[in-house]
Structures are given as C-alpha cells and as structure tokens.
Protein backbone atom coordinates (compact mmCIF):
# COMPACT_ATOMS: atom_id res chain seq x y z
CA MET A 1 10.58 81.57 94.81
CA ALA A 2 8.33 78.70 93.28
CA GLN A 3 8.71 75.30 94.57
CA PRO A 4 9.29 72.53 92.38
CA ALA A 5 8.32 68.90 91.96
CA CYS A 6 10.20 66.01 93.02
CA PHE A 7 10.65 62.37 91.41
CA PHE A 8 11.97 59.31 93.16
CA ARG A 9 13.61 56.53 90.92
CA PRO A 10 15.26 53.13 91.71
CA ARG A 11 18.35 51.35 90.71
CA LYS A 12 18.15 48.32 88.88
CA HIS A 13 16.94 45.22 90.54
CA HIS A 14 16.24 42.21 88.18
CA ARG A 15 12.88 40.88 87.95
CA THR A 16 11.15 43.11 90.33
CA PRO A 17 7.51 44.73 89.69
CA TYR A 18 8.19 46.98 92.72
CA GLN A 19 8.79 50.91 92.17
CA ARG A 20 11.57 52.56 94.02
CA ALA A 21 12.33 55.96 92.29
CA THR A 22 10.10 59.02 92.19
CA TYR A 23 9.89 62.39 90.06
CA ILE A 24 8.47 65.00 92.37
CA ARG A 25 6.90 68.18 90.98
CA HIS A 26 5.38 70.80 93.01
CA GLY A 27 4.58 73.75 90.96
CA GLY A 28 1.17 73.89 88.82
CA LYS A 29 0.01 70.46 88.82
CA ALA A 30 2.98 69.17 91.13
CA ARG A 31 3.78 65.56 90.93
CA TYR A 32 6.02 62.90 92.24
CA ALA A 33 7.06 59.65 90.03
CA SER A 34 8.58 56.38 90.89
CA ASP A 35 10.47 54.16 88.20
CA ARG A 36 10.16 50.24 88.49
CA LYS A 37 13.21 49.66 86.34
CA ARG A 38 16.71 51.06 86.40
CA HIS A 39 17.43 54.24 84.38
CA GLU A 40 19.31 52.21 81.57
CA ASP A 41 16.04 50.26 80.89
CA CYS A 42 13.78 53.55 80.79
CA ASN A 43 12.66 54.96 77.70
CA ASP A 44 15.13 57.88 78.44
CA GLY A 45 17.76 56.56 80.46
CA SER A 46 19.95 59.81 79.87
CA ASP A 47 17.07 61.92 81.25
CA ILE A 48 16.64 60.06 84.39
CA ASN A 49 20.44 59.85 84.71
CA GLU A 50 20.64 63.73 84.54
CA TRP A 51 17.78 64.09 87.03
CA ARG A 52 18.68 61.67 89.72
CA LYS A 53 22.25 63.47 90.10
CA GLN A 54 20.53 66.92 90.91
CA GLY A 55 22.36 68.47 93.89
CA PHE A 56 21.06 66.19 96.48
CA GLY A 57 24.35 64.34 96.70
CA TRP A 58 23.39 60.87 94.92
CA SER A 59 25.79 57.95 95.36
CA TRP A 60 25.88 54.52 93.65
CA LEU A 61 25.89 52.70 96.72
CA PHE A 62 22.78 54.56 98.63
CA CYS A 63 21.33 56.86 95.95
CA HIS A 64 19.13 59.39 97.66
CA SER A 65 18.17 57.24 100.44
CA PHE A 66 19.88 59.28 103.28
CA VAL A 67 18.72 62.92 101.58
CA LEU A 68 15.51 62.89 103.48
CA LEU A 69 17.28 61.73 106.77
CA ARG A 70 19.46 64.73 106.51
CA CYS A 71 16.66 67.01 105.91
CA ALA A 72 14.45 65.59 108.73
CA SER A 73 17.44 66.23 111.36
CA ARG A 74 16.58 69.86 111.01
CA PHE A 75 13.20 69.40 112.09
CA PRO A 76 11.30 68.05 115.44
CA PRO A 77 11.14 64.19 115.18
CA LEU A 78 7.59 64.03 114.10
CA ALA A 79 7.79 66.50 111.54
CA ASN A 80 5.38 65.51 108.52
CA ILE A 81 7.07 64.24 105.39
CA ASN A 82 5.10 67.10 103.48
CA ILE A 83 7.32 69.76 105.46
CA LEU A 84 10.56 67.96 104.24
CA MET A 85 9.27 67.83 100.47
CA GLN A 86 8.45 71.58 100.82
CA GLU A 87 11.94 72.28 102.16
CA LEU A 88 13.65 70.28 99.48
CA SER A 89 11.61 71.78 96.67
CA LYS A 90 12.77 75.28 97.34
CA GLU A 91 15.97 74.36 95.71
CA TYR A 92 14.38 73.72 92.26
CA ALA A 93 12.37 76.76 91.53
CA ASP A 94 13.54 76.81 87.98
CA THR A 95 12.05 73.12 87.00
CA GLU A 96 9.38 72.65 89.98
CA MET A 97 10.30 69.03 89.79
CA PHE A 98 13.09 66.86 90.90
CA LEU A 99 13.99 63.19 91.02
CA MET A 100 14.71 61.19 93.99
CA ASP A 101 16.27 57.59 93.90
CA LEU A 102 15.51 55.83 97.21
CA TRP A 103 17.24 52.51 96.63
CA PRO A 104 17.66 50.33 98.63
CA SER A 105 15.07 51.52 101.35
CA TYR A 106 12.08 51.59 98.64
CA PRO A 107 12.09 48.25 97.01
CA SER A 108 8.57 47.09 97.62
CA SER A 109 5.15 48.41 98.72
CA ILE A 110 2.84 46.46 101.19
CA PRO A 111 -0.84 47.48 101.14
CA ILE A 112 -2.14 48.78 104.57
CA ALA A 113 -4.80 46.01 104.50
CA GLY A 114 -6.03 43.36 102.03
CA GLY A 115 -5.51 43.18 98.18
CA PRO A 116 -6.96 45.31 95.55
CA SER A 117 -9.34 48.16 96.64
CA ILE A 118 -10.97 51.32 95.13
CA LEU A 119 -7.61 53.18 95.64
CA SER A 120 -5.85 50.58 93.22
CA PHE A 121 -8.49 49.64 90.81
CA ASN A 122 -8.49 51.09 87.34
CA SER A 123 -11.11 51.36 84.61
CA SER A 124 -14.16 49.27 84.92
CA ASP A 125 -13.42 47.93 88.39
CA TRP A 126 -13.00 51.24 89.64
CA ASN A 127 -16.30 52.57 88.30
CA GLN A 128 -18.17 49.40 89.54
CA TRP A 129 -17.14 49.98 92.95
CA ARG A 130 -17.14 53.85 93.02
CA SER A 131 -20.56 53.92 91.93
CA LEU A 132 -21.62 51.60 94.61
CA LEU A 133 -20.16 53.68 97.40
CA ASN A 134 -20.95 57.30 95.97
CA PRO A 135 -24.74 57.57 97.06
CA GLY A 136 -23.41 56.92 100.73
CA PHE A 137 -21.01 59.61 100.60
CA SER A 138 -23.20 62.11 98.80
CA ALA A 139 -23.92 65.49 100.73
CA GLN A 140 -27.48 64.76 100.80
CA SER A 141 -26.90 61.25 102.29
CA LEU A 142 -24.45 62.75 105.00
CA MET A 143 -27.35 65.10 106.29
CA ASN A 144 -28.83 62.36 107.76
CA HIS A 145 -25.80 61.42 109.87
CA VAL A 146 -25.40 65.02 111.33
CA PRO A 147 -27.50 64.10 114.51
CA PHE A 148 -24.98 61.27 115.32
CA ILE A 149 -21.91 63.27 114.26
CA VAL A 150 -23.12 66.02 116.60
CA GLY A 151 -23.57 63.47 119.60
CA SER A 152 -20.01 62.33 118.98
CA VAL A 153 -18.72 65.72 119.11
CA GLN A 154 -20.50 66.52 122.11
CA ILE A 155 -18.50 63.44 123.82
CA PHE A 156 -15.37 65.03 122.37
CA SER A 157 -16.19 68.52 123.63
CA ASP A 158 -16.95 66.82 127.17
CA LYS A 159 -13.62 65.25 127.18
CA LEU A 160 -11.88 68.59 126.27
CA ARG A 161 -13.82 70.30 129.19
CA ALA A 162 -12.89 67.56 131.70
CA SER A 163 -9.10 68.33 130.67
CA VAL A 164 -9.27 71.93 131.29
CA GLY A 165 -6.91 72.91 134.27
CA LYS A 166 -5.32 69.60 134.20
CA GLY A 167 -2.28 70.57 132.19
CA VAL A 168 -1.25 69.62 128.88
CA PHE A 169 -3.12 66.74 126.81
CA PHE A 170 -2.54 65.28 123.44
CA LEU A 171 -5.48 66.70 121.16
CA GLY A 172 -4.70 64.47 118.33
CA ASP A 173 -5.70 61.44 120.48
CA TYR A 174 -9.16 62.72 121.33
CA ALA A 175 -9.65 63.94 117.54
CA THR A 176 -8.64 60.38 116.40
CA ARG A 177 -11.07 58.56 118.70
CA LEU A 178 -13.76 60.90 117.67
CA ASN A 179 -12.99 60.26 113.94
CA PHE A 180 -13.27 56.50 114.19
CA ASP A 181 -16.54 56.71 116.09
CA VAL A 182 -17.70 58.80 113.24
CA ILE A 183 -16.28 56.80 110.33
CA MET A 184 -17.60 53.39 111.71
CA LYS A 185 -21.13 54.52 112.38
CA VAL A 186 -21.62 56.52 109.10
CA THR A 187 -19.71 53.73 106.69
CA LEU A 188 -20.66 50.47 108.55
CA ASP A 189 -23.60 51.62 111.08
CA SER A 190 -21.34 50.11 113.80
CA ASP A 191 -21.29 51.84 117.50
CA ILE A 192 -17.72 51.18 118.46
CA ASN A 193 -17.67 53.94 121.30
CA TYR A 194 -14.02 54.44 120.90
CA GLN A 195 -14.01 57.58 122.73
CA PHE A 196 -14.75 55.58 125.76
CA HIS A 197 -13.37 51.97 125.08
CA LYS A 198 -10.51 50.45 122.90
CA HIS A 199 -11.51 48.71 119.86
CA ILE A 200 -9.45 46.22 117.71
CA LEU A 201 -10.06 47.99 114.31
CA PRO A 202 -8.55 51.48 115.37
CA THR A 203 -5.89 49.67 117.06
CA ALA A 204 -4.83 47.62 114.27
CA VAL A 205 -5.05 50.70 111.73
CA ASN A 206 -2.86 52.75 114.15
CA THR A 207 -0.32 50.13 114.39
CA THR A 208 -0.24 49.38 110.91
CA THR A 209 0.30 52.94 109.82
CA ARG A 210 2.97 53.67 112.46
CA TRP A 211 5.04 50.84 110.60
CA HIS A 212 4.39 52.24 107.16
CA SER A 213 6.67 54.83 105.21
CA PHE A 214 7.20 55.69 101.57
CA TRP A 215 10.75 56.89 102.31
CA ASP A 216 12.13 56.33 105.96
CA PRO A 217 14.76 53.36 105.58
CA ARG A 218 14.72 52.90 109.19
CA ILE A 219 11.14 51.80 108.93
CA LEU A 220 11.25 50.19 105.30
CA MET A 221 14.23 48.11 106.15
CA ASN A 222 13.05 46.95 109.47
CA GLN A 223 12.51 43.10 109.54
CA LEU A 224 9.49 43.36 111.68
CA ARG A 225 7.64 45.78 109.49
CA PRO A 226 6.13 43.25 107.08
CA VAL A 227 5.27 40.66 110.10
CA ILE A 228 3.53 43.42 112.03
CA GLN A 229 1.66 44.89 109.00
CA LYS A 230 0.53 41.48 107.84
CA TYR A 231 -0.78 40.45 111.34
CA TYR A 232 -2.76 43.71 111.86
CA GLY A 233 -3.76 43.74 108.20
CA ARG A 234 -5.61 40.27 109.01
CA LYS A 235 -7.19 41.79 112.09
CA MET A 236 -8.70 44.79 110.11
CA GLU A 237 -9.91 42.58 107.54
CA SER A 238 -11.51 40.29 109.83
CA CYS A 239 -13.12 42.94 111.74
CA ILE A 240 -14.52 44.64 108.67
CA ASP A 241 -15.88 41.12 107.13
CA LYS A 242 -17.89 40.60 110.11
CA GLU A 243 -19.33 44.06 109.97
CA LEU A 244 -20.10 43.76 106.48
CA HIS A 245 -21.56 40.20 106.99
CA ARG A 246 -23.58 41.48 109.76
CA GLN A 247 -25.04 44.33 107.62
CA PHE A 248 -25.61 42.02 104.70
CA GLN A 249 -27.54 39.48 106.92
CA GLY A 250 -29.57 42.30 108.39
CA LEU A 251 -30.39 43.74 104.92
CA LYS A 252 -31.20 40.31 103.37
CA ALA A 253 -33.75 39.63 106.28
CA GLU A 254 -35.33 43.14 105.99
CA ARG A 255 -35.54 42.98 102.33
CA LYS A 256 -37.29 39.62 102.44
CA ALA A 257 -39.86 40.81 105.33
CA SER A 258 -40.56 43.91 103.10
CA ASP A 259 -41.10 42.05 99.97
CA ALA A 260 -43.53 39.67 101.68
CA ALA A 261 -45.37 42.56 103.27
CA SER A 262 -45.68 45.63 100.80
CA GLY A 263 -42.96 45.19 98.48
CA ASN A 264 -41.32 48.40 99.86
CA SER A 265 -38.12 48.27 101.80
CA LYS A 266 -37.20 50.78 104.20
CA ARG A 267 -34.06 52.61 102.78
CA PRO A 268 -30.95 52.42 105.11
CA LEU A 269 -28.79 55.13 105.58
CA SER A 270 -25.18 54.02 106.09
CA VAL A 271 -22.72 53.97 103.30
CA ILE A 272 -22.27 50.34 103.37
CA SER A 273 -26.13 49.75 103.63
CA LEU A 274 -26.70 52.08 100.75
CA ALA A 275 -23.90 50.08 98.69
CA LEU A 276 -25.10 46.64 99.64
CA GLU A 277 -28.63 47.58 98.29
CA SER A 278 -27.12 48.51 95.01
CA TYR A 279 -24.99 45.29 95.15
CA ILE A 280 -28.07 43.20 95.58
CA ASP A 281 -30.10 45.03 92.81
CA GLN A 282 -27.14 44.63 90.58
CA ASN A 283 -27.00 40.96 91.21
CA LYS A 284 -30.53 39.87 91.04
CA GLU A 285 -29.86 37.22 88.49
CA LYS A 286 -27.65 35.46 90.87
CA ASN A 287 -30.51 35.28 93.57
CA ILE A 288 -28.15 36.70 96.04
CA LEU A 289 -30.64 37.12 98.94
CA GLU A 290 -30.78 33.32 99.17
CA THR A 291 -27.04 32.79 99.35
CA ALA A 292 -25.35 32.47 102.65
CA THR A 293 -22.62 34.95 102.34
CA LEU A 294 -21.35 37.88 100.60
CA ASP A 295 -18.90 37.61 97.76
CA ARG A 296 -15.00 38.03 98.98
CA ASP A 297 -14.58 40.90 96.54
CA PHE A 298 -17.03 43.23 98.12
CA ALA A 299 -15.45 43.02 101.46
CA ARG A 300 -12.15 44.38 100.06
CA SER A 301 -13.45 47.45 99.13
CA ASN A 302 -8.96 58.87 108.92
CA ASP A 303 -6.13 60.37 109.50
CA THR A 304 -6.91 63.38 107.31
CA THR A 305 -10.04 64.46 109.33
CA SER A 306 -8.51 64.00 112.77
CA ALA A 307 -5.31 65.91 111.87
CA THR A 308 -7.17 68.72 110.29
CA ILE A 309 -9.35 69.15 113.36
CA VAL A 310 -6.00 69.56 115.63
CA PHE A 311 -4.71 72.01 112.89
CA ALA A 312 -7.97 74.00 112.70
CA LEU A 313 -8.09 74.27 116.52
CA HIS A 314 -4.41 75.32 116.46
CA LEU A 315 -4.97 77.87 113.70
CA MET A 316 -7.91 79.17 115.69
CA SER A 317 -5.48 79.68 118.67
CA LYS A 318 -2.97 81.46 116.50
CA HIS A 319 -5.37 83.74 114.53
CA SER A 320 -7.53 85.86 117.06
CA GLU A 321 -9.41 87.95 114.14
CA ALA A 322 -10.35 84.64 112.15
CA CYS A 323 -11.55 83.08 115.64
CA SER A 324 -13.60 85.93 116.01
CA GLN A 325 -15.16 85.81 112.57
CA LEU A 326 -16.02 82.26 113.14
CA ARG A 327 -17.84 83.05 116.54
CA LYS A 328 -19.76 85.82 114.89
CA GLU A 329 -20.93 83.54 112.38
CA HIS A 330 -22.04 80.78 114.72
CA ASP A 331 -23.84 83.62 116.84
CA SER A 332 -25.65 84.69 113.80
CA VAL A 333 -26.53 81.06 112.90
CA PHE A 334 -27.24 79.16 115.81
CA GLY A 335 -28.07 82.10 118.24
CA THR A 336 -26.06 83.31 121.07
CA ASP A 337 -26.96 80.64 123.52
CA VAL A 338 -24.32 78.17 123.20
CA SER A 339 -25.69 75.34 125.17
CA LYS A 340 -28.64 75.00 122.37
CA THR A 341 -26.22 74.84 119.61
CA ALA A 342 -26.31 70.84 119.55
CA LYS A 343 -29.98 70.64 119.91
CA THR A 344 -30.49 73.06 116.90
CA LEU A 345 -28.01 71.48 114.59
CA LYS A 346 -29.63 67.90 115.34
CA ALA A 347 -32.76 69.33 114.33
CA GLN A 348 -31.86 71.48 111.45
CA PRO A 349 -28.63 69.90 109.99
CA SER A 350 -29.04 72.09 106.78
CA LEU A 351 -27.68 74.89 108.88
CA LEU A 352 -24.15 73.72 108.25
CA ASN A 353 -24.44 74.92 104.86
CA GLN A 354 -24.98 78.54 106.15
CA CYS A 355 -21.75 78.53 107.84
CA ARG A 356 -19.85 79.88 104.82
CA TYR A 357 -16.69 81.36 106.82
CA THR A 358 -16.56 77.97 108.81
CA LEU A 359 -16.20 76.27 105.61
CA ALA A 360 -13.65 78.66 104.24
CA PHE A 361 -11.72 78.32 107.54
CA VAL A 362 -11.71 74.62 107.03
CA LYS A 363 -10.47 74.89 103.53
CA GLU A 364 -7.66 77.49 104.35
CA THR A 365 -6.76 74.92 107.08
CA LEU A 366 -6.20 72.00 104.65
CA ARG A 367 -4.41 74.41 102.14
CA ILE A 368 -1.71 75.20 104.66
CA TYR A 369 -1.85 71.58 106.41
CA PRO A 370 -2.84 69.35 103.35
CA PRO A 371 -2.86 65.56 103.88
CA GLY A 372 -0.28 63.63 102.02
CA GLY A 373 0.12 63.63 98.20
CA ASN A 374 -1.61 61.41 95.63
CA MET A 375 -0.01 58.81 93.59
CA ARG A 376 -0.66 57.67 89.83
CA LEU A 377 1.12 55.51 87.51
CA GLY A 378 2.73 57.01 84.72
CA THR A 379 1.98 55.78 81.09
CA LEU A 380 3.82 55.68 77.67
CA GLU A 381 1.54 58.71 76.59
CA ALA A 382 1.74 60.86 79.55
CA THR A 383 4.48 63.42 80.09
CA LEU A 384 5.39 66.06 82.73
CA LEU A 385 6.21 69.58 81.70
CA ALA A 386 8.88 71.22 83.73
CA LEU A 387 8.76 74.77 84.38
CA ASN A 388 11.82 75.51 82.21
CA GLY A 389 9.95 73.77 79.35
CA LYS A 390 11.49 70.44 79.24
CA ILE A 391 9.25 67.46 78.88
CA HIS A 392 10.04 64.32 80.72
CA PRO A 393 8.56 60.80 80.18
CA THR A 394 6.49 58.92 83.00
CA GLU A 395 6.17 55.38 81.74
CA ARG A 396 6.90 53.09 84.51
CA LEU A 397 6.79 55.84 86.95
CA ASN A 398 4.68 56.51 89.91
CA ILE A 399 3.45 60.37 89.62
CA VAL A 400 2.78 61.42 93.03
CA LEU A 401 1.20 64.94 93.74
CA ALA A 402 3.06 66.81 96.41
CA ASN A 403 0.16 68.81 97.98
CA GLN A 404 2.12 71.13 100.52
CA PRO A 405 4.36 72.73 97.99
CA ILE A 406 1.74 73.13 95.59
CA HIS A 407 -0.55 74.83 98.32
CA MET A 408 2.50 77.23 99.43
CA ASN A 409 3.97 78.18 95.79
CA PRO A 410 4.02 81.88 95.63
CA ARG A 411 3.92 81.70 91.80
CA ILE A 412 0.41 80.21 91.93
CA TRP A 413 -0.99 81.58 95.18
CA VAL A 414 -1.30 85.16 96.46
CA LYS A 415 0.07 85.62 100.15
CA PRO A 416 0.71 81.75 100.41
CA ASN A 417 2.42 81.92 103.85
CA GLU A 418 -0.69 83.96 105.34
CA PHE A 419 -3.77 82.32 106.77
CA LEU A 420 -6.65 83.98 104.91
CA PRO A 421 -9.85 81.90 104.89
CA GLU A 422 -11.24 85.02 102.85
CA ARG A 423 -9.49 83.54 99.88
CA PHE A 424 -12.49 80.91 99.80
CA LEU A 425 -15.11 83.52 99.85
CA VAL A 426 -13.91 86.15 96.96
CA GLU A 427 -15.58 85.92 93.61
CA PRO A 428 -13.63 84.07 90.89
CA GLY A 429 -11.11 86.36 89.08
CA LEU A 430 -10.34 88.27 92.12
CA GLY A 431 -6.68 88.35 93.51
CA LEU A 432 -7.14 86.10 96.39
CA TYR A 433 -9.37 83.45 94.52
CA PRO A 434 -7.72 80.05 94.58
CA PRO A 435 -6.21 79.09 91.28
CA ASN A 436 -8.08 76.77 89.36
CA GLY A 437 -7.12 73.08 90.16
CA GLU A 438 -4.38 74.24 92.65
CA PHE A 439 -6.20 73.61 95.89
CA ARG A 440 -6.20 69.72 96.04
CA PRO A 441 -6.38 68.39 99.50
CA PHE A 442 -8.73 65.70 98.67
CA ASP A 443 -7.43 65.58 95.02
CA ILE A 444 -9.53 66.57 92.06
CA GLY A 445 -11.70 64.97 89.18
CA PRO A 446 -13.38 61.79 89.36
CA ARG A 447 -10.77 60.36 91.71
CA ARG A 448 -11.14 62.75 94.40
CA CYS A 449 -11.37 61.41 97.93
CA ILE A 450 -14.71 59.78 98.28
CA GLY A 451 -14.88 60.82 101.93
CA GLN A 452 -14.52 64.44 101.19
CA GLU A 453 -17.82 65.55 102.29
CA LEU A 454 -17.90 63.42 105.28
CA SER A 455 -14.63 64.99 106.39
CA LEU A 456 -15.90 68.48 105.76
CA THR A 457 -19.09 67.84 107.76
CA GLU A 458 -17.30 66.51 110.53
CA ILE A 459 -14.71 69.20 111.06
CA ARG A 460 -17.35 72.03 110.55
CA THR A 461 -19.22 70.34 113.45
CA VAL A 462 -16.05 70.30 115.72
CA LEU A 463 -15.57 74.12 115.10
CA ILE A 464 -19.17 74.97 115.54
CA MET A 465 -19.39 73.33 118.95
CA THR A 466 -16.12 74.30 120.23
CA ALA A 467 -15.10 77.78 118.84
CA ARG A 468 -17.29 79.63 121.26
CA VAL A 469 -16.81 77.37 124.19
CA TYR A 470 -12.95 76.91 124.60
CA ASP A 471 -9.72 79.09 124.11
CA PHE A 472 -6.73 76.79 122.84
CA ASN A 473 -3.15 77.25 123.72
CA PRO A 474 -0.56 75.20 121.81
CA GLU A 475 1.97 73.64 124.33
CA TYR A 476 4.22 71.99 121.85
CA GLU A 477 7.33 73.16 123.89
CA GLU A 478 6.03 71.41 126.83
C-alpha cells in the first residue's frame, strides 16, 4: 500500500508570522507543508478545512497536537519522528498526502543558532554563500582530508576494541564524538579531540538539539526551551566566531607574506580556508586584508553521519551475506592484512572510489534509515498533486519532504522492506534500480546537502576499518 504525504496547518493567531500547520506527502515527491494563517484566510479555506479533519481526530481545542503523541506511545520512548510519520502515512494510500494541525504546540520556530544561514537564504544570498563553500566540500578537496579521517576512525576503532568484553556500550556516543572531530577539522581546521575530551561546541549543539522539536508539545511548550536554546546558541556562535577569526587572521598573514615573497600563496585545505580565500578575492576593493576583523555576515554561515554509522553497523550485524560481501571487497581492494588498511588508505585515498559495494551498502542504509525530512516554503504558483489527482495550493505553507515514507513506498520501490545494497549497483532501467528522484537522504537538486560527500567519505572509511575487525551484536533490549 502506498504511503501518503502529510501536511501540518495552524489555527488562527493574529499578527503572527509563524507557521503552525503542515501538509505531509509521502509518495512520489512526498512533502509536508505548514500554513501561517488560519484556514479561513488561505486562498482555499474549504480545501484546508477538508484536509485538516481527515481521520486523525481533529478538535477545535487541540487540533492534531496529540495525534503524534498517541502514535508515539506505541513505540519505544526514543523512536524517531520518521517512524511515526511512516506509520501515520499508511492510512492515506489513496492521496499520499495529509494535513496535520499542530496548534497550540507549533506557534513558533527558533533557529538552532544564529540568524539567517545557508539553510534559510534564498536567491542571490544563497548563491553567494553556497559558491563560497562548495569548493571545500567537493569530492576532490575532501580526498585531501582522508588521512585525517582515517586517523580519527582509528581512534574510534581503538575505543571499540577497548569496549569488547565489557558489556553493553552506547555506540551512538562514539560515533557522535568521531563525527565532531572530523567536521571541526575538515570545516574549520580545528583539532578539538572530542573523542578524548569535552568541548563546548559539541556540548552546546547536543544540548540545543535535545530541546528542539518540530511537533512534540512537551518540548515546544516548555518555558525553559527558548532560554536554554538561546544560551547555548550564543555559546555556539562565540566558539565558531573565534575559530573563523583565527583562520582569517592566519590567512591574512599568510597571504601578505606570500605576496611579499613570490606572489604565490599556499592553498589551504579546510572548507573555511578555501571559502575565506574566495571571500578575500571577491572583496579586494574593500582592502579586506588590511581590516582587523571579518564581516559579521560571514560568521553566520552532524547528526546525519553519526546516526548512519550506527545504523550501518547495525545492518551489518543483521545481514550476514551483505557483511560478507563488504569483507570480500575490502580484502580485494586493501589486501587481506587488516593491520595495513589504515596505512594503505592514508597513502591512497582514491581507493575509496573502488569500494562500490561499500558505497551501495551506505546508500541502502540511508534509504532505510534516512535523515529527517526537508522543508520548503510554498508559493502562490506552486501546487501539490495528490495521488487521486486533486491539486492543493501551497501558498503560505511549508512544504516538507517525508523521506522515510518515500523510501519505503511499495508503489515506488521494488521490495522496499528488504535490505538490498545491490539496487544501487544495477544498471538503470532494471527492476531494482532506484526510481528517478526518489532516493533523497541529502535532498536533490541545487539545494542538496552541501556535506553529502563528506558524510559518505566518513561512513565508508568507518566500514572499511571495522567490517573485517569486529562483529556487532545489537543489545537494545538490554
């Protein structure tokens, strides 16, 4: 049965710019959408009124606020919101979309940190900042970081080895610490050694995200939430600002010294260093190398990778044949002496590209356990086409892509409930081949996740360095 999309929509709240309701769609190009105004003020109030009263038990007092809570009660306490969306979507196979009204728990939205960012920019602003950051996140540039990533994964592997025989441990914490080390080094050229020590930035990020939710009234209506998020948001900004300005001052000194010597500057490798070089070149008329500080706008510009590492190792433990295929490929590419894998990969980072089955394994993991959905602001011109042929407006709506139901939709995918990395190895046109535009863990198109290549590089490195060394046993019941 196909799994529909879902929309959230708010009730009336005068003079507010915030969005509270959402259309959710989960077949084809599945989407959510949230309305800022009451259904009576929408360009098609009767349409919204009809959708919001679908069989979810909508009420004038609480709308759909407790629908997800009731659904969540059927799952473990830490169940991902994607699982809940998939469960709810099964009821709407005929339309592959539905609306949820989350008033009063969705009256506002607080950014994780800072103000405008590349996630919220549109048109020229987005193009400017994306063009500055793209070079550092390119596949070619990231190959230069593979030796560091391998070294970080070696620490991760050593921590796993130290945990063997000592009972149950939380793999997610190990993966998160690894991921922060990699992200901070690759993006800011900062060695925070989070796998060994505490650091304010990861602590602030983790605390802020724990107090963030798109739907849960228990979090959204907690009066401490905005205070805690604002406090740790400032901590994050302060930490990142210091790193940015450290990089900027170092780059200025290097460029001046280089110009005085031969006119050639050594090209740095970190994402922010490459972006800063472009920023300086684009602002030559401002004589920016002579200024004391960096423009505030530049300073405003992890969870997916660490979660996928855990899911990949979990699936490796559940599917022995796929695990065997991984090990065979790694033997073929790196040799059978596992102790030499790290040294070989550091010396020849391009060997990652020969691990086709490993990449397919990671992609299939992302299909079954995708990151959270993506949100877009609806417009007067844009509409959503339901599976039954009805067209719905999106003006004043946030359109959110529900990845989990999309990736598990049997109308779209062949054998969606089976773990089959081979679907990413077959030729286009064959039965298992992923449908065009339906595999979207990092979104698709120009606004796809800028860190996609970094994430895939890190996850592949983890599998290469652990698949032949460890057997993993899930102990969730413990």
